[in-house]
Amino acid sequence: MDLKNSWTKLASKYCKDVELIEDYWNEIKSHYTSEKRCYHNLNHIENLLQQAEMYQKQLHDYDLLCFSIWYHDSIYNPTKSNNEEKSADLAQVRLEKFTLNAFQIETIKTLILSTKKHEVLSINNIDNAYFLDFDLSILGADWQTYQAYSRAIRKEYSIYPDVVYKKSRKKVLLNFLLRDNLYFSETYQNLFETQARKNLNREIEKL
């Protein structure tokens, strides 16, 4: 996938300022190509965009979900707890210069904020459910892929020693396992729920 082209194609629907679209792309690229980004990088964005494209017909507003994908991890500091809020605020400031209306921008912000606790905040349609499922699809990958993901997450939190990281990571994984369902859409429950739970339990055993 040509990510710059994907961004330009989406943004051009809502903005005719070619230079502004280019500036936004450069900013997005700068955020997601930081050396500290071992998982939450452009590969992650591409993966989510591919899933969104795959399920486009099931989505209520494909474009708004794609904007949410682009901005949802734009601010990512493992030592902070307000990344989602800052990402949502950045999306608002940038997209207010597009022809998106206030409701559309608020929808994007809500989708981004829903990733903080991975809970559906918007029940008006299926989009929030799918967005969160796209974001957590990695949990249901094959074990080798999952291991690569968990190692990448560990690198992003390399500032913390093992004794701190392992305790925190285990708590996160256990919280996921306590849920009735890891995924919100029936489609993703059928595709990934069983494998995701196996992966989470397996990682916990190794911590």
N, C-alpha and C. Protein backbone atom coordinates (compact mmCIF):
# COMPACT_ATOMS: atom_id res chain seq x y z
N MET A 1 0.84 -1.19 0.00
CA MET A 1 0.00 0.00 0.00
C MET A 1 0.88 1.25 0.00
N ASP A 2 0.58 2.18 -0.88
CA ASP A 2 1.27 3.46 -0.93
C ASP A 2 0.59 4.38 0.09
N LEU A 3 1.20 4.52 1.26
CA LEU A 3 0.55 5.24 2.35
C LEU A 3 0.38 6.73 2.04
N LYS A 4 1.38 7.34 1.44
CA LYS A 4 1.25 8.75 1.10
C LYS A 4 0.10 8.97 0.13
N ASN A 5 -0.01 8.10 -0.85
CA ASN A 5 -1.11 8.20 -1.81
C ASN A 5 -2.46 7.98 -1.12
N SER A 6 -2.51 7.04 -0.19
CA SER A 6 -3.75 6.77 0.54
C SER A 6 -4.18 7.99 1.34
N TRP A 7 -3.21 8.62 2.02
CA TRP A 7 -3.51 9.83 2.79
C TRP A 7 -3.99 10.96 1.87
N THR A 8 -3.25 11.16 0.78
CA THR A 8 -3.58 12.25 -0.14
C THR A 8 -4.95 12.06 -0.77
N LYS A 9 -5.26 10.84 -1.12
CA LYS A 9 -6.57 10.54 -1.72
C LYS A 9 -7.70 10.83 -0.74
N LEU A 10 -7.53 10.44 0.51
CA LEU A 10 -8.54 10.69 1.54
C LEU A 10 -8.66 12.18 1.84
N ALA A 11 -7.53 12.81 2.10
CA ALA A 11 -7.53 14.23 2.49
C ALA A 11 -8.06 15.12 1.37
N SER A 12 -7.80 14.75 0.13
CA SER A 12 -8.21 15.57 -1.00
C SER A 12 -9.72 15.66 -1.15
N LYS A 13 -10.44 14.75 -0.54
CA LYS A 13 -11.90 14.82 -0.58
C LYS A 13 -12.42 15.97 0.27
N TYR A 14 -11.60 16.42 1.21
CA TYR A 14 -12.05 17.40 2.19
C TYR A 14 -11.18 18.65 2.23
N CYS A 15 -10.21 18.72 1.32
CA CYS A 15 -9.31 19.87 1.28
C CYS A 15 -8.69 20.00 -0.11
N LYS A 16 -8.66 21.22 -0.63
CA LYS A 16 -8.08 21.47 -1.94
C LYS A 16 -6.70 22.11 -1.84
N ASP A 17 -6.24 22.33 -0.63
CA ASP A 17 -4.93 22.93 -0.40
C ASP A 17 -3.87 21.84 -0.44
N VAL A 18 -3.21 21.71 -1.57
CA VAL A 18 -2.24 20.64 -1.79
C VAL A 18 -1.08 20.75 -0.80
N GLU A 19 -0.64 21.96 -0.53
CA GLU A 19 0.48 22.15 0.39
C GLU A 19 0.11 21.74 1.81
N LEU A 20 -1.12 22.06 2.22
CA LEU A 20 -1.57 21.68 3.57
C LEU A 20 -1.63 20.17 3.70
N ILE A 21 -2.16 19.52 2.70
CA ILE A 21 -2.23 18.05 2.71
C ILE A 21 -0.83 17.45 2.80
N GLU A 22 0.10 18.04 2.07
CA GLU A 22 1.49 17.58 2.10
C GLU A 22 2.11 17.81 3.48
N ASP A 23 1.83 18.97 4.05
CA ASP A 23 2.35 19.27 5.39
C ASP A 23 1.83 18.28 6.43
N TYR A 24 0.54 17.97 6.32
CA TYR A 24 -0.05 17.01 7.25
C TYR A 24 0.58 15.64 7.08
N TRP A 25 0.82 15.25 5.84
CA TRP A 25 1.46 13.96 5.58
C TRP A 25 2.85 13.91 6.22
N ASN A 26 3.61 14.98 6.05
CA ASN A 26 4.96 15.02 6.61
C ASN A 26 4.93 14.94 8.13
N GLU A 27 3.94 15.58 8.73
CA GLU A 27 3.79 15.52 10.18
C GLU A 27 3.43 14.11 10.63
N ILE A 28 2.46 13.51 9.95
CA ILE A 28 2.04 12.14 10.28
C ILE A 28 3.22 11.18 10.14
N LYS A 29 3.93 11.30 9.02
CA LYS A 29 5.08 10.43 8.77
C LYS A 29 6.13 10.61 9.85
N SER A 30 6.36 11.86 10.26
CA SER A 30 7.36 12.15 11.29
C SER A 30 6.99 11.47 12.61
N HIS A 31 5.70 11.53 12.97
CA HIS A 31 5.26 10.90 14.20
C HIS A 31 5.48 9.38 14.17
N TYR A 32 5.04 8.76 13.10
CA TYR A 32 5.02 7.30 13.05
C TYR A 32 6.34 6.66 12.65
N THR A 33 7.32 7.47 12.26
CA THR A 33 8.63 6.91 11.90
C THR A 33 9.69 7.23 12.95
N SER A 34 9.25 7.70 14.09
CA SER A 34 10.19 7.93 15.19
C SER A 34 10.94 6.64 15.51
N GLU A 35 12.21 6.76 15.86
CA GLU A 35 13.03 5.58 16.17
C GLU A 35 12.47 4.79 17.34
N LYS A 36 11.72 5.45 18.20
CA LYS A 36 11.16 4.78 19.37
C LYS A 36 9.91 3.96 19.04
N ARG A 37 9.41 4.12 17.83
CA ARG A 37 8.21 3.39 17.42
C ARG A 37 8.59 2.02 16.86
N CYS A 38 8.46 1.01 17.68
CA CYS A 38 8.79 -0.35 17.25
C CYS A 38 7.56 -1.12 16.77
N TYR A 39 6.39 -0.73 17.29
CA TYR A 39 5.13 -1.34 16.85
C TYR A 39 4.14 -0.30 16.36
N HIS A 40 3.97 0.77 17.10
CA HIS A 40 3.00 1.81 16.75
C HIS A 40 3.57 2.74 15.69
N ASN A 41 3.83 2.17 14.54
CA ASN A 41 4.47 2.88 13.44
C ASN A 41 3.62 2.81 12.17
N LEU A 42 4.21 3.15 11.04
CA LEU A 42 3.44 3.16 9.79
C LEU A 42 2.99 1.77 9.37
N ASN A 43 3.71 0.74 9.79
CA ASN A 43 3.26 -0.62 9.48
C ASN A 43 1.93 -0.92 10.17
N HIS A 44 1.81 -0.42 11.39
CA HIS A 44 0.56 -0.58 12.14
C HIS A 44 -0.58 0.17 11.44
N ILE A 45 -0.31 1.38 11.01
CA ILE A 45 -1.31 2.17 10.30
C ILE A 45 -1.73 1.47 9.01
N GLU A 46 -0.77 0.98 8.29
CA GLU A 46 -1.07 0.29 7.02
C GLU A 46 -1.94 -0.94 7.27
N ASN A 47 -1.62 -1.68 8.31
CA ASN A 47 -2.39 -2.87 8.64
C ASN A 47 -3.85 -2.53 8.91
N LEU A 48 -4.07 -1.48 9.69
CA LEU A 48 -5.44 -1.07 10.01
C LEU A 48 -6.18 -0.56 8.78
N LEU A 49 -5.49 0.20 7.95
CA LEU A 49 -6.11 0.72 6.73
C LEU A 49 -6.51 -0.42 5.79
N GLN A 50 -5.68 -1.44 5.73
CA GLN A 50 -5.99 -2.60 4.89
C GLN A 50 -7.23 -3.32 5.39
N GLN A 51 -7.35 -3.44 6.71
CA GLN A 51 -8.53 -4.07 7.28
C GLN A 51 -9.78 -3.24 7.04
N ALA A 52 -9.64 -1.93 7.19
CA ALA A 52 -10.78 -1.04 6.94
C ALA A 52 -11.25 -1.15 5.50
N GLU A 53 -10.30 -1.24 4.59
CA GLU A 53 -10.65 -1.38 3.17
C GLU A 53 -11.36 -2.72 2.93
N MET A 54 -10.90 -3.74 3.61
CA MET A 54 -11.47 -5.07 3.46
C MET A 54 -12.94 -5.10 3.90
N TYR A 55 -13.26 -4.35 4.96
CA TYR A 55 -14.61 -4.36 5.52
C TYR A 55 -15.37 -3.07 5.25
N GLN A 56 -14.95 -2.38 4.21
CA GLN A 56 -15.53 -1.07 3.89
C GLN A 56 -17.05 -1.12 3.75
N LYS A 57 -17.56 -2.17 3.15
CA LYS A 57 -19.00 -2.27 2.92
C LYS A 57 -19.80 -2.40 4.21
N GLN A 58 -19.16 -2.88 5.27
CA GLN A 58 -19.85 -3.02 6.55
C GLN A 58 -19.85 -1.72 7.36
N LEU A 59 -19.01 -0.77 6.96
CA LEU A 59 -18.83 0.44 7.75
C LEU A 59 -19.84 1.52 7.39
N HIS A 60 -20.19 2.30 8.39
CA HIS A 60 -21.14 3.40 8.19
C HIS A 60 -20.47 4.60 7.52
N ASP A 61 -19.29 4.97 8.01
CA ASP A 61 -18.55 6.10 7.41
C ASP A 61 -17.08 5.73 7.32
N TYR A 62 -16.73 5.18 6.20
CA TYR A 62 -15.38 4.69 5.95
C TYR A 62 -14.33 5.79 6.09
N ASP A 63 -14.61 6.97 5.55
CA ASP A 63 -13.63 8.05 5.59
C ASP A 63 -13.31 8.49 7.01
N LEU A 64 -14.34 8.64 7.84
CA LEU A 64 -14.10 9.08 9.21
C LEU A 64 -13.29 8.04 9.97
N LEU A 65 -13.57 6.78 9.72
CA LEU A 65 -12.80 5.72 10.38
C LEU A 65 -11.35 5.77 9.93
N CYS A 66 -11.12 6.04 8.65
CA CYS A 66 -9.74 6.13 8.14
C CYS A 66 -8.99 7.31 8.75
N PHE A 67 -9.65 8.45 8.88
CA PHE A 67 -9.01 9.58 9.57
C PHE A 67 -8.65 9.19 11.00
N SER A 68 -9.52 8.43 11.64
CA SER A 68 -9.26 7.98 13.01
C SER A 68 -8.04 7.07 13.06
N ILE A 69 -7.91 6.21 12.07
CA ILE A 69 -6.75 5.33 12.00
C ILE A 69 -5.47 6.16 11.88
N TRP A 70 -5.48 7.12 10.98
CA TRP A 70 -4.29 7.93 10.76
C TRP A 70 -3.83 8.65 12.02
N TYR A 71 -4.76 9.12 12.81
CA TYR A 71 -4.39 9.96 13.95
C TYR A 71 -4.40 9.26 15.30
N HIS A 72 -4.89 8.02 15.38
CA HIS A 72 -5.15 7.45 16.71
C HIS A 72 -3.89 7.23 17.56
N ASP A 73 -2.75 7.01 16.93
CA ASP A 73 -1.50 6.85 17.67
C ASP A 73 -0.50 7.94 17.30
N SER A 74 -1.00 9.05 16.81
CA SER A 74 -0.09 10.12 16.37
C SER A 74 0.77 10.63 17.53
N ILE A 75 0.20 10.70 18.71
CA ILE A 75 0.96 11.03 19.91
C ILE A 75 1.11 9.75 20.72
N TYR A 76 2.35 9.32 20.92
CA TYR A 76 2.56 8.05 21.61
C TYR A 76 3.84 8.13 22.45
N ASN A 77 3.64 8.30 23.74
CA ASN A 77 4.75 8.35 24.70
C ASN A 77 4.46 7.31 25.78
N PRO A 78 5.21 6.23 25.81
CA PRO A 78 4.95 5.15 26.78
C PRO A 78 4.97 5.58 28.24
N THR A 79 5.56 6.73 28.53
CA THR A 79 5.62 7.19 29.92
C THR A 79 4.42 8.07 30.29
N LYS A 80 3.56 8.34 29.34
CA LYS A 80 2.40 9.20 29.58
C LYS A 80 1.09 8.41 29.50
N SER A 81 0.06 8.93 30.15
CA SER A 81 -1.25 8.25 30.15
C SER A 81 -2.31 9.02 29.38
N ASN A 82 -1.89 10.10 28.70
CA ASN A 82 -2.86 10.92 27.97
C ASN A 82 -2.61 10.95 26.47
N ASN A 83 -2.02 9.89 25.96
CA ASN A 83 -1.71 9.83 24.53
C ASN A 83 -2.95 9.92 23.66
N GLU A 84 -3.99 9.21 24.06
CA GLU A 84 -5.21 9.20 23.25
C GLU A 84 -5.86 10.58 23.23
N GLU A 85 -5.89 11.24 24.36
CA GLU A 85 -6.46 12.58 24.42
C GLU A 85 -5.67 13.55 23.54
N LYS A 86 -4.35 13.46 23.61
CA LYS A 86 -3.51 14.35 22.81
C LYS A 86 -3.65 14.04 21.32
N SER A 87 -3.77 12.76 20.99
CA SER A 87 -3.96 12.38 19.59
C SER A 87 -5.29 12.90 19.06
N ALA A 88 -6.33 12.77 19.88
CA ALA A 88 -7.66 13.27 19.50
C ALA A 88 -7.65 14.78 19.32
N ASP A 89 -6.96 15.47 20.22
CA ASP A 89 -6.87 16.93 20.12
C ASP A 89 -6.11 17.35 18.88
N LEU A 90 -5.04 16.63 18.56
CA LEU A 90 -4.28 16.94 17.35
C LEU A 90 -5.14 16.75 16.10
N ALA A 91 -5.88 15.65 16.09
CA ALA A 91 -6.78 15.39 14.96
C ALA A 91 -7.77 16.53 14.79
N GLN A 92 -8.32 17.00 15.89
CA GLN A 92 -9.29 18.09 15.82
C GLN A 92 -8.67 19.36 15.26
N VAL A 93 -7.52 19.74 15.77
CA VAL A 93 -6.86 20.96 15.32
C VAL A 93 -6.53 20.88 13.84
N ARG A 94 -6.04 19.76 13.40
CA ARG A 94 -5.66 19.62 11.99
C ARG A 94 -6.90 19.54 11.08
N LEU A 95 -7.86 18.73 11.45
CA LEU A 95 -9.00 18.47 10.57
C LEU A 95 -10.02 19.60 10.55
N GLU A 96 -9.93 20.51 11.49
CA GLU A 96 -10.80 21.68 11.45
C GLU A 96 -10.51 22.55 10.24
N LYS A 97 -9.35 22.36 9.62
CA LYS A 97 -8.99 23.10 8.41
C LYS A 97 -9.50 22.41 7.15
N PHE A 98 -10.09 21.23 7.33
CA PHE A 98 -10.73 20.53 6.23
C PHE A 98 -12.22 20.90 6.22
N THR A 99 -12.95 20.37 5.26
CA THR A 99 -14.38 20.68 5.16
C THR A 99 -15.24 19.75 6.00
N LEU A 100 -14.62 19.03 6.91
CA LEU A 100 -15.35 18.19 7.85
C LEU A 100 -16.14 19.07 8.80
N ASN A 101 -17.38 18.67 9.11
CA ASN A 101 -18.18 19.46 10.04
C ASN A 101 -17.88 19.06 11.48
N ALA A 102 -18.46 19.79 12.43
CA ALA A 102 -18.18 19.56 13.85
C ALA A 102 -18.56 18.15 14.29
N PHE A 103 -19.68 17.65 13.77
CA PHE A 103 -20.12 16.29 14.14
C PHE A 103 -19.12 15.25 13.64
N GLN A 104 -18.63 15.42 12.43
CA GLN A 104 -17.67 14.47 11.87
C GLN A 104 -16.37 14.47 12.66
N ILE A 105 -15.90 15.65 13.03
CA ILE A 105 -14.66 15.75 13.81
C ILE A 105 -14.86 15.15 15.19
N GLU A 106 -16.00 15.38 15.77
CA GLU A 106 -16.29 14.81 17.09
C GLU A 106 -16.34 13.28 17.01
N THR A 107 -16.87 12.77 15.92
CA THR A 107 -16.91 11.32 15.71
C THR A 107 -15.51 10.75 15.65
N ILE A 108 -14.62 11.42 14.93
CA ILE A 108 -13.22 10.98 14.83
C ILE A 108 -12.56 11.00 16.20
N LYS A 109 -12.78 12.06 16.95
CA LYS A 109 -12.21 12.17 18.29
C LYS A 109 -12.70 11.03 19.19
N THR A 110 -13.98 10.74 19.10
CA THR A 110 -14.56 9.68 19.92
C THR A 110 -13.95 8.33 19.59
N LEU A 111 -13.77 8.07 18.31
CA LEU A 111 -13.14 6.81 17.89
C LEU A 111 -11.73 6.71 18.44
N ILE A 112 -10.98 7.79 18.35
CA ILE A 112 -9.61 7.78 18.88
C ILE A 112 -9.60 7.55 20.38
N LEU A 113 -10.47 8.25 21.09
CA LEU A 113 -10.53 8.13 22.55
C LEU A 113 -10.97 6.73 22.99
N SER A 114 -11.71 6.04 22.15
CA SER A 114 -12.17 4.69 22.51
C SER A 114 -11.02 3.70 22.63
N THR A 115 -9.86 4.04 22.02
CA THR A 115 -8.72 3.13 22.10
C THR A 115 -8.00 3.22 23.45
N LYS A 116 -8.34 4.19 24.28
CA LYS A 116 -7.68 4.34 25.58
C LYS A 116 -7.93 3.12 26.46
N LYS A 117 -9.18 2.72 26.57
CA LYS A 117 -9.52 1.53 27.36
C LYS A 117 -10.08 0.41 26.47
N HIS A 118 -10.00 0.64 25.17
CA HIS A 118 -10.56 -0.29 24.20
C HIS A 118 -12.00 -0.66 24.55
N GLU A 119 -12.79 0.38 24.68
CA GLU A 119 -14.21 0.23 24.94
C GLU A 119 -14.99 1.06 23.93
N VAL A 120 -16.08 0.52 23.43
CA VAL A 120 -16.91 1.22 22.46
C VAL A 120 -17.55 2.43 23.13
N LEU A 121 -17.31 3.60 22.57
CA LEU A 121 -17.88 4.84 23.09
C LEU A 121 -19.02 5.34 22.21
N SER A 122 -19.03 4.91 20.97
CA SER A 122 -20.08 5.32 20.03
C SER A 122 -20.88 4.10 19.60
N ILE A 123 -22.17 4.09 19.93
CA ILE A 123 -23.02 2.94 19.62
C ILE A 123 -24.01 3.26 18.50
N ASN A 124 -23.76 4.36 17.79
CA ASN A 124 -24.66 4.77 16.71
C ASN A 124 -24.59 3.84 15.51
N ASN A 125 -23.45 3.17 15.35
CA ASN A 125 -23.26 2.25 14.23
C ASN A 125 -22.15 1.27 14.60
N ILE A 126 -21.75 0.45 13.66
CA ILE A 126 -20.77 -0.61 13.91
C ILE A 126 -19.33 -0.12 13.82
N ASP A 127 -19.12 1.12 13.41
CA ASP A 127 -17.77 1.60 13.10
C ASP A 127 -16.81 1.54 14.29
N ASN A 128 -17.27 1.94 15.45
CA ASN A 128 -16.39 1.92 16.63
C ASN A 128 -15.97 0.50 16.97
N ALA A 129 -16.91 -0.43 16.86
CA ALA A 129 -16.60 -1.83 17.13
C ALA A 129 -15.53 -2.35 16.17
N TYR A 130 -15.71 -2.07 14.89
CA TYR A 130 -14.73 -2.53 13.90
C TYR A 130 -13.39 -1.85 14.09
N PHE A 131 -13.39 -0.56 14.40
CA PHE A 131 -12.15 0.17 14.61
C PHE A 131 -11.32 -0.47 15.73
N LEU A 132 -11.96 -0.77 16.84
CA LEU A 132 -11.25 -1.40 17.96
C LEU A 132 -10.80 -2.81 17.58
N ASP A 133 -11.62 -3.51 16.83
CA ASP A 133 -11.25 -4.86 16.41
C ASP A 133 -10.04 -4.84 15.47
N PHE A 134 -10.01 -3.87 14.56
CA PHE A 134 -8.84 -3.72 13.69
C PHE A 134 -7.59 -3.51 14.54
N ASP A 135 -7.72 -2.65 15.53
CA ASP A 135 -6.58 -2.27 16.36
C ASP A 135 -6.05 -3.45 17.17
N LEU A 136 -6.95 -4.35 17.58
CA LEU A 136 -6.55 -5.50 18.40
C LEU A 136 -6.42 -6.81 17.62
N SER A 137 -6.52 -6.71 16.32
CA SER A 137 -6.45 -7.95 15.51
C SER A 137 -5.13 -8.67 15.70
N ILE A 138 -4.07 -7.93 16.02
CA ILE A 138 -2.75 -8.53 16.22
C ILE A 138 -2.78 -9.57 17.34
N LEU A 139 -3.67 -9.40 18.31
CA LEU A 139 -3.74 -10.35 19.41
C LEU A 139 -4.15 -11.73 18.94
N GLY A 140 -4.86 -11.79 17.83
CA GLY A 140 -5.32 -13.07 17.31
C GLY A 140 -4.49 -13.61 16.17
N ALA A 141 -3.30 -13.06 15.99
CA ALA A 141 -2.41 -13.53 14.93
C ALA A 141 -1.79 -14.87 15.31
N ASP A 142 -1.10 -15.50 14.38
CA ASP A 142 -0.39 -16.73 14.70
C ASP A 142 0.68 -16.42 15.74
N TRP A 143 1.12 -17.43 16.47
CA TRP A 143 2.01 -17.23 17.61
C TRP A 143 3.32 -16.53 17.22
N GLN A 144 3.89 -16.86 16.09
CA GLN A 144 5.15 -16.24 15.67
C GLN A 144 4.97 -14.74 15.46
N THR A 145 3.87 -14.36 14.80
CA THR A 145 3.58 -12.95 14.58
C THR A 145 3.29 -12.25 15.89
N TYR A 146 2.56 -12.93 16.76
CA TYR A 146 2.24 -12.36 18.07
C TYR A 146 3.52 -12.13 18.87
N GLN A 147 4.44 -13.06 18.82
CA GLN A 147 5.70 -12.90 19.55
C GLN A 147 6.47 -11.68 19.07
N ALA A 148 6.49 -11.48 17.76
CA ALA A 148 7.17 -10.31 17.20
C ALA A 148 6.52 -9.03 17.70
N TYR A 149 5.18 -9.05 17.79
CA TYR A 149 4.43 -7.91 18.31
C TYR A 149 4.79 -7.65 19.77
N SER A 150 4.80 -8.69 20.60
CA SER A 150 5.08 -8.51 22.03
C SER A 150 6.51 -8.03 22.26
N ARG A 151 7.44 -8.49 21.42
CA ARG A 151 8.82 -8.01 21.54
C ARG A 151 8.92 -6.54 21.16
N ALA A 152 8.15 -6.15 20.16
CA ALA A 152 8.16 -4.74 19.73
C ALA A 152 7.59 -3.84 20.81
N ILE A 153 6.53 -4.30 21.46
CA ILE A 153 5.94 -3.53 22.55
C ILE A 153 6.96 -3.39 23.70
N ARG A 154 7.65 -4.47 23.98
CA ARG A 154 8.67 -4.41 25.05
C ARG A 154 9.73 -3.37 24.72
N LYS A 155 10.16 -3.29 23.48
CA LYS A 155 11.16 -2.31 23.07
C LYS A 155 10.65 -0.89 23.25
N GLU A 156 9.35 -0.69 22.98
CA GLU A 156 8.79 0.65 23.14
C GLU A 156 8.77 1.08 24.61
N TYR A 157 8.74 0.10 25.48
CA TYR A 157 8.74 0.37 26.91
C TYR A 157 10.10 0.05 27.53
N SER A 158 11.15 0.15 26.74
CA SER A 158 12.48 -0.24 27.20
C SER A 158 13.00 0.64 28.35
N ILE A 159 12.36 1.80 28.54
CA ILE A 159 12.75 2.68 29.63
C ILE A 159 12.50 2.02 31.00
N TYR A 160 11.60 1.03 31.02
CA TYR A 160 11.24 0.38 32.28
C TYR A 160 12.00 -0.94 32.45
N PRO A 161 12.47 -1.24 33.65
CA PRO A 161 13.13 -2.53 33.91
C PRO A 161 12.11 -3.67 33.86
N ASP A 162 12.60 -4.88 33.71
CA ASP A 162 11.72 -6.05 33.58
C ASP A 162 10.74 -6.18 34.73
N VAL A 163 11.21 -5.94 35.95
CA VAL A 163 10.35 -6.14 37.11
C VAL A 163 9.13 -5.22 37.06
N VAL A 164 9.29 -4.04 36.51
CA VAL A 164 8.18 -3.10 36.39
C VAL A 164 7.33 -3.43 35.17
N TYR A 165 8.01 -3.66 34.05
CA TYR A 165 7.27 -3.91 32.81
C TYR A 165 6.43 -5.17 32.89
N LYS A 166 7.01 -6.25 33.38
CA LYS A 166 6.30 -7.53 33.41
C LYS A 166 5.05 -7.46 34.27
N LYS A 167 5.14 -6.79 35.38
CA LYS A 167 3.98 -6.65 36.26
C LYS A 167 2.87 -5.86 35.57
N SER A 168 3.22 -4.77 34.93
CA SER A 168 2.25 -3.93 34.24
C SER A 168 1.67 -4.65 33.02
N ARG A 169 2.53 -5.31 32.27
CA ARG A 169 2.08 -6.03 31.07
C ARG A 169 1.13 -7.15 31.44
N LYS A 170 1.45 -7.87 32.48
CA LYS A 170 0.58 -8.98 32.92
C LYS A 170 -0.79 -8.45 33.31
N LYS A 171 -0.83 -7.31 33.98
CA LYS A 171 -2.10 -6.71 34.38
C LYS A 171 -2.94 -6.36 33.17
N VAL A 172 -2.31 -5.80 32.14
CA VAL A 172 -3.02 -5.44 30.91
C VAL A 172 -3.60 -6.68 30.24
N LEU A 173 -2.79 -7.71 30.12
CA LEU A 173 -3.23 -8.94 29.45
C LEU A 173 -4.35 -9.63 30.22
N LEU A 174 -4.24 -9.65 31.54
CA LEU A 174 -5.28 -10.27 32.36
C LEU A 174 -6.60 -9.52 32.24
N ASN A 175 -6.52 -8.20 32.16
CA ASN A 175 -7.73 -7.40 32.00
C ASN A 175 -8.44 -7.73 30.70
N PHE A 176 -7.67 -7.98 29.66
CA PHE A 176 -8.27 -8.39 28.39
C PHE A 176 -8.95 -9.75 28.54
N LEU A 177 -8.28 -10.68 29.21
CA LEU A 177 -8.82 -12.02 29.36
C LEU A 177 -10.09 -12.06 30.21
N LEU A 178 -10.24 -11.10 31.08
CA LEU A 178 -11.42 -11.04 31.94
C LEU A 178 -12.68 -10.59 31.19
N ARG A 179 -12.50 -10.06 30.02
CA ARG A 179 -13.64 -9.61 29.23
C ARG A 179 -14.44 -10.80 28.71
N ASP A 180 -15.73 -10.59 28.54
CA ASP A 180 -16.54 -11.65 27.94
C ASP A 180 -16.08 -11.92 26.52
N ASN A 181 -15.73 -10.83 25.82
CA ASN A 181 -15.21 -10.94 24.45
C ASN A 181 -14.11 -9.91 24.25
N LEU A 182 -13.04 -10.33 23.60
CA LEU A 182 -11.96 -9.40 23.26
C LEU A 182 -12.36 -8.52 22.10
N TYR A 183 -13.19 -9.08 21.22
CA TYR A 183 -13.60 -8.38 20.00
C TYR A 183 -15.08 -8.04 20.07
N PHE A 184 -15.45 -6.96 19.40
CA PHE A 184 -16.81 -6.44 19.50
C PHE A 184 -17.71 -6.86 18.34
N SER A 185 -17.13 -7.10 17.19
CA SER A 185 -17.93 -7.53 16.04
C SER A 185 -17.96 -9.05 15.98
N GLU A 186 -19.06 -9.58 15.53
CA GLU A 186 -19.18 -11.03 15.41
C GLU A 186 -18.14 -11.58 14.44
N THR A 187 -17.85 -10.81 13.42
CA THR A 187 -16.86 -11.22 12.42
C THR A 187 -15.51 -11.49 13.06
N TYR A 188 -15.05 -10.56 13.87
CA TYR A 188 -13.72 -10.69 14.48
C TYR A 188 -13.73 -11.68 15.65
N GLN A 189 -14.84 -11.82 16.31
CA GLN A 189 -14.94 -12.84 17.34
C GLN A 189 -14.74 -14.22 16.72
N ASN A 190 -15.35 -14.42 15.60
CA ASN A 190 -15.22 -15.71 14.91
C ASN A 190 -13.81 -15.93 14.36
N LEU A 191 -13.18 -14.84 13.91
CA LEU A 191 -11.86 -14.95 13.29
C LEU A 191 -10.73 -15.10 14.31
N PHE A 192 -10.79 -14.34 15.41
CA PHE A 192 -9.60 -14.18 16.24
C PHE A 192 -9.77 -14.48 17.73
N GLU A 193 -10.98 -14.57 18.23
CA GLU A 193 -11.19 -14.67 19.68
C GLU A 193 -10.42 -15.84 20.30
N THR A 194 -10.57 -17.03 19.75
CA THR A 194 -9.94 -18.22 20.33
C THR A 194 -8.42 -18.12 20.31
N GLN A 195 -7.86 -17.75 19.17
CA GLN A 195 -6.40 -17.63 19.06
C GLN A 195 -5.86 -16.52 19.94
N ALA A 196 -6.58 -15.42 20.04
CA ALA A 196 -6.13 -14.30 20.87
C ALA A 196 -6.01 -14.72 22.33
N ARG A 197 -6.99 -15.44 22.81
CA ARG A 197 -6.94 -15.88 24.21
C ARG A 197 -5.79 -16.85 24.44
N LYS A 198 -5.52 -17.71 23.48
CA LYS A 198 -4.38 -18.61 23.59
C LYS A 198 -3.08 -17.82 23.66
N ASN A 199 -2.96 -16.81 22.79
CA ASN A 199 -1.74 -15.99 22.76
C ASN A 199 -1.54 -15.23 24.07
N LEU A 200 -2.60 -14.64 24.57
CA LEU A 200 -2.50 -13.87 25.81
C LEU A 200 -2.08 -14.76 26.98
N ASN A 201 -2.70 -15.92 27.08
CA ASN A 201 -2.34 -16.85 28.15
C ASN A 201 -0.90 -17.33 28.02
N ARG A 202 -0.48 -17.53 26.80
CA ARG A 202 0.87 -18.02 26.55
C ARG A 202 1.91 -16.96 26.92
N GLU A 203 1.61 -15.69 26.58
CA GLU A 203 2.54 -14.63 26.95
C GLU A 203 2.61 -14.46 28.47
N ILE A 204 1.46 -14.55 29.12
CA ILE A 204 1.42 -14.43 30.58
C ILE A 204 2.30 -15.49 31.23
N GLU A 205 2.25 -16.71 30.70
CA GLU A 205 3.05 -17.78 31.24
C GLU A 205 4.55 -17.51 31.11
N LYS A 206 4.92 -16.73 30.09
CA LYS A 206 6.32 -16.44 29.84
C LYS A 206 6.83 -15.20 30.57
N LEU A 207 5.91 -14.43 31.14
CA LEU A 207 6.32 -13.21 31.84
C LEU A 207 6.94 -13.52 33.21
